[in-house]
Amino acid sequence: MERRIPLGRQGAPEDCAGPIVFLASDMARYCTGSALLVDGGLFVNLQ
């Protein structure tokens, strides 16, 4: 599975910290209905 992830490793819980802080902040105030993938690029290789 890790060979299919462009970043070369499986994600860890701390990899979600940055996106969570972003979405909870005022920086995301104009985001609506967006999907924010935190998958190391795996989704691209599954299409």
PDB file of N, CA and C in Angstrom:
ATOM      1  N   MET A   1       0.815  -1.185   0.000  1.00  0.00           N
ATOM      2  CA  MET A   1       0.000   0.000   0.000  1.00  0.00           C
ATOM      3  C   MET A   1       0.867   1.261   0.000  1.00  0.00           C
ATOM      4  N   GLU A   2       1.931   1.248   0.774  1.00  0.00           N
ATOM      5  CA  GLU A   2       2.784   2.441   0.859  1.00  0.00           C
ATOM      6  C   GLU A   2       3.420   2.790  -0.483  1.00  0.00           C
ATOM      7  N   ARG A   3       3.607   1.818  -1.357  1.00  0.00           N
ATOM      8  CA  ARG A   3       4.175   2.110  -2.679  1.00  0.00           C
ATOM      9  C   ARG A   3       3.216   2.921  -3.534  1.00  0.00           C
ATOM     10  N   ARG A   4       1.930   2.869  -3.235  1.00  0.00           N
ATOM     11  CA  ARG A   4       0.929   3.611  -4.007  1.00  0.00           C
ATOM     12  C   ARG A   4       0.734   5.034  -3.487  1.00  0.00           C
ATOM     13  N   ILE A   5       1.295   5.346  -2.329  1.00  0.00           N
ATOM     14  CA  ILE A   5       1.156   6.682  -1.734  1.00  0.00           C
ATOM     15  C   ILE A   5       2.348   7.533  -2.179  1.00  0.00           C
ATOM     16  N   PRO A   6       2.094   8.627  -2.912  1.00  0.00           N
ATOM     17  CA  PRO A   6       3.197   9.464  -3.393  1.00  0.00           C
ATOM     18  C   PRO A   6       4.155   9.949  -2.302  1.00  0.00           C
ATOM     19  N   LEU A   7       3.660  10.197  -1.104  1.00  0.00           N
ATOM     20  CA  LEU A   7       4.555  10.646  -0.038  1.00  0.00           C
ATOM     21  C   LEU A   7       5.338   9.504   0.599  1.00  0.00           C
ATOM     22  N   GLY A   8       5.041   8.260   0.208  1.00  0.00           N
ATOM     23  CA  GLY A   8       5.862   7.123   0.597  1.00  0.00           C
ATOM     24  C   GLY A   8       5.616   6.532   1.977  1.00  0.00           C
ATOM     25  N   ARG A   9       4.543   6.933   2.633  1.00  0.00           N
ATOM     26  CA  ARG A   9       4.261   6.370   3.955  1.00  0.00           C
ATOM     27  C   ARG A   9       2.779   6.512   4.253  1.00  0.00           C
ATOM     28  N   GLN A  10       2.319   5.698   5.192  1.00  0.00           N
ATOM     29  CA  GLN A  10       0.944   5.837   5.650  1.00  0.00           C
ATOM     30  C   GLN A  10       0.848   7.024   6.590  1.00  0.00           C
ATOM     31  N   GLY A  11      -0.319   7.586   6.654  1.00  0.00           N
ATOM     32  CA  GLY A  11      -0.521   8.752   7.505  1.00  0.00           C
ATOM     33  C   GLY A  11      -0.555   8.403   8.979  1.00  0.00           C
ATOM     34  N   ALA A  12      -0.237   9.387   9.786  1.00  0.00           N
ATOM     35  CA  ALA A  12      -0.291   9.267  11.247  1.00  0.00           C
ATOM     36  C   ALA A  12      -1.315  10.282  11.755  1.00  0.00           C
ATOM     37  N   PRO A  13      -1.852  10.067  12.939  1.00  0.00           N
ATOM     38  CA  PRO A  13      -2.845  11.012  13.471  1.00  0.00           C
ATOM     39  C   PRO A  13      -2.371  12.471  13.469  1.00  0.00           C
ATOM     40  N   GLU A  14      -1.104  12.681  13.728  1.00  0.00           N
ATOM     41  CA  GLU A  14      -0.604  14.068  13.756  1.00  0.00           C
ATOM     42  C   GLU A  14      -0.593  14.726  12.380  1.00  0.00           C
ATOM     43  N   ASP A  15      -0.717  13.937  11.305  1.00  0.00           N
ATOM     44  CA  ASP A  15      -0.806  14.511   9.965  1.00  0.00           C
ATOM     45  C   ASP A  15      -2.114  15.267   9.760  1.00  0.00           C
ATOM     46  N   CYS A  16      -3.098  15.011  10.577  1.00  0.00           N
ATOM     47  CA  CYS A  16      -4.392  15.697  10.489  1.00  0.00           C
ATOM     48  C   CYS A  16      -4.411  17.001  11.272  1.00  0.00           C
ATOM     49  N   ALA A  17      -3.439  17.237  12.108  1.00  0.00           N
ATOM     50  CA  ALA A  17      -3.441  18.416  12.978  1.00  0.00           C
ATOM     51  C   ALA A  17      -3.462  19.720  12.183  1.00  0.00           C
ATOM     52  N   GLY A  18      -2.615  19.856  11.195  1.00  0.00           N
ATOM     53  CA  GLY A  18      -2.561  21.086  10.398  1.00  0.00           C
ATOM     54  C   GLY A  18      -3.876  21.390   9.699  1.00  0.00           C
ATOM     55  N   PRO A  19      -4.438  20.431   8.957  1.00  0.00           N
ATOM     56  CA  PRO A  19      -5.728  20.690   8.312  1.00  0.00           C
ATOM     57  C   PRO A  19      -6.852  21.000   9.310  1.00  0.00           C
ATOM     58  N   ILE A  20      -6.838  20.348  10.459  1.00  0.00           N
ATOM     59  CA  ILE A  20      -7.870  20.620  11.465  1.00  0.00           C
ATOM     60  C   ILE A  20      -7.739  22.049  11.989  1.00  0.00           C
ATOM     61  N   VAL A  21      -6.509  22.467  12.275  1.00  0.00           N
ATOM     62  CA  VAL A  21      -6.287  23.838  12.759  1.00  0.00           C
ATOM     63  C   VAL A  21      -6.712  24.834  11.687  1.00  0.00           C
ATOM     64  N   PHE A  22      -6.381  24.542  10.431  1.00  0.00           N
ATOM     65  CA  PHE A  22      -6.782  25.424   9.333  1.00  0.00           C
ATOM     66  C   PHE A  22      -8.298  25.548   9.257  1.00  0.00           C
ATOM     67  N   LEU A  23      -8.998  24.413   9.245  1.00  0.00           N
ATOM     68  CA  LEU A  23     -10.454  24.451   9.116  1.00  0.00           C
ATOM     69  C   LEU A  23     -11.136  25.115  10.302  1.00  0.00           C
ATOM     70  N   ALA A  24     -10.522  25.048  11.471  1.00  0.00           N
ATOM     71  CA  ALA A  24     -11.091  25.674  12.669  1.00  0.00           C
ATOM     72  C   ALA A  24     -10.728  27.148  12.780  1.00  0.00           C
ATOM     73  N   SER A  25      -9.855  27.623  11.900  1.00  0.00           N
ATOM     74  CA  SER A  25      -9.384  29.006  11.994  1.00  0.00           C
ATOM     75  C   SER A  25     -10.174  29.932  11.070  1.00  0.00           C
ATOM     76  N   ASP A  26      -9.905  31.206  11.215  1.00  0.00           N
ATOM     77  CA  ASP A  26     -10.511  32.205  10.338  1.00  0.00           C
ATOM     78  C   ASP A  26      -9.987  32.116   8.907  1.00  0.00           C
ATOM     79  N   MET A  27      -8.862  31.445   8.708  1.00  0.00           N
ATOM     80  CA  MET A  27      -8.331  31.303   7.351  1.00  0.00           C
ATOM     81  C   MET A  27      -9.272  30.499   6.462  1.00  0.00           C
ATOM     82  N   ALA A  28     -10.112  29.671   7.050  1.00  0.00           N
ATOM     83  CA  ALA A  28     -11.037  28.847   6.283  1.00  0.00           C
ATOM     84  C   ALA A  28     -12.440  29.453   6.248  1.00  0.00           C
ATOM     85  N   ARG A  29     -12.572  30.708   6.598  1.00  0.00           N
ATOM     86  CA  ARG A  29     -13.903  31.314   6.708  1.00  0.00           C
ATOM     87  C   ARG A  29     -14.647  31.380   5.379  1.00  0.00           C
ATOM     88  N   TYR A  30     -13.952  31.292   4.269  1.00  0.00           N
ATOM     89  CA  TYR A  30     -14.610  31.371   2.960  1.00  0.00           C
ATOM     90  C   TYR A  30     -14.765  29.986   2.330  1.00  0.00           C
ATOM     91  N   CYS A  31     -14.373  28.933   3.028  1.00  0.00           N
ATOM     92  CA  CYS A  31     -14.512  27.555   2.531  1.00  0.00           C
ATOM     93  C   CYS A  31     -15.915  27.051   2.834  1.00  0.00           C
ATOM     94  N   THR A  32     -16.553  26.539   1.805  1.00  0.00           N
ATOM     95  CA  THR A  32     -17.888  25.961   1.984  1.00  0.00           C
ATOM     96  C   THR A  32     -17.980  24.664   1.202  1.00  0.00           C
ATOM     97  N   GLY A  33     -18.409  23.633   1.846  1.00  0.00           N
ATOM     98  CA  GLY A  33     -18.641  22.365   1.166  1.00  0.00           C
ATOM     99  C   GLY A  33     -17.439  21.758   0.482  1.00  0.00           C
ATOM    100  N   SER A  34     -16.278  22.047   0.972  1.00  0.00           N
ATOM    101  CA  SER A  34     -15.056  21.552   0.353  1.00  0.00           C
ATOM    102  C   SER A  34     -14.652  20.213   0.944  1.00  0.00           C
ATOM    103  N   ALA A  35     -13.988  19.417   0.127  1.00  0.00           N
ATOM    104  CA  ALA A  35     -13.389  18.175   0.601  1.00  0.00           C
ATOM    105  C   ALA A  35     -11.889  18.401   0.698  1.00  0.00           C
ATOM    106  N   LEU A  36     -11.355  18.226   1.854  1.00  0.00           N
ATOM    107  CA  LEU A  36      -9.924  18.402   2.070  1.00  0.00           C
ATOM    108  C   LEU A  36      -9.330  17.022   2.320  1.00  0.00           C
ATOM    109  N   LEU A  37      -8.680  16.468   1.321  1.00  0.00           N
ATOM    110  CA  LEU A  37      -8.110  15.131   1.437  1.00  0.00           C
ATOM    111  C   LEU A  37      -6.775  15.196   2.170  1.00  0.00           C
ATOM    112  N   VAL A  38      -6.644  14.398   3.176  1.00  0.00           N
ATOM    113  CA  VAL A  38      -5.393  14.277   3.924  1.00  0.00           C
ATOM    114  C   VAL A  38      -4.974  12.820   3.770  1.00  0.00           C
ATOM    115  N   ASP A  39      -4.432  12.512   2.577  1.00  0.00           N
ATOM    116  CA  ASP A  39      -4.148  11.115   2.244  1.00  0.00           C
ATOM    117  C   ASP A  39      -2.776  10.900   1.628  1.00  0.00           C
ATOM    118  N   GLY A  40      -1.919  11.905   1.665  1.00  0.00           N
ATOM    119  CA  GLY A  40      -0.584  11.771   1.112  1.00  0.00           C
ATOM    120  C   GLY A  40      -0.540  11.603  -0.397  1.00  0.00           C
ATOM    121  N   GLY A  41      -1.683  11.874  -1.059  1.00  0.00           N
ATOM    122  CA  GLY A  41      -1.759  11.746  -2.510  1.00  0.00           C
ATOM    123  C   GLY A  41      -2.308  10.415  -2.991  1.00  0.00           C
ATOM    124  N   LEU A  42      -2.727   9.551  -2.087  1.00  0.00           N
ATOM    125  CA  LEU A  42      -3.216   8.226  -2.453  1.00  0.00           C
ATOM    126  C   LEU A  42      -4.399   8.281  -3.405  1.00  0.00           C
ATOM    127  N   PHE A  43      -5.314   9.191  -3.199  1.00  0.00           N
ATOM    128  CA  PHE A  43      -6.523   9.273  -4.012  1.00  0.00           C
ATOM    129  C   PHE A  43      -6.202   9.385  -5.498  1.00  0.00           C
ATOM    130  N   VAL A  44      -5.159  10.124  -5.827  1.00  0.00           N
ATOM    131  CA  VAL A  44      -4.765  10.304  -7.226  1.00  0.00           C
ATOM    132  C   VAL A  44      -4.412   8.967  -7.862  1.00  0.00           C
ATOM    133  N   ASN A  45      -3.769   8.101  -7.128  1.00  0.00           N
ATOM    134  CA  ASN A  45      -3.354   6.814  -7.657  1.00  0.00           C
ATOM    135  C   ASN A  45      -4.475   5.767  -7.664  1.00  0.00           C
ATOM    136  N   LEU A  46      -5.582   6.053  -7.010  1.00  0.00           N
ATOM    137  CA  LEU A  46      -6.694   5.097  -6.981  1.00  0.00           C
ATOM    138  C   LEU A  46      -7.700   5.354  -8.092  1.00  0.00           C
ATOM    139  N   GLN A  47      -7.519   6.442  -8.815  1.00  0.00           N
ATOM    140  CA  GLN A  47      -8.464   6.752  -9.904  1.00  0.00           C
ATOM    141  C   GLN A  47      -8.104   6.016 -11.162  1.00  0.00           C
TER     142      GLN A  47
END
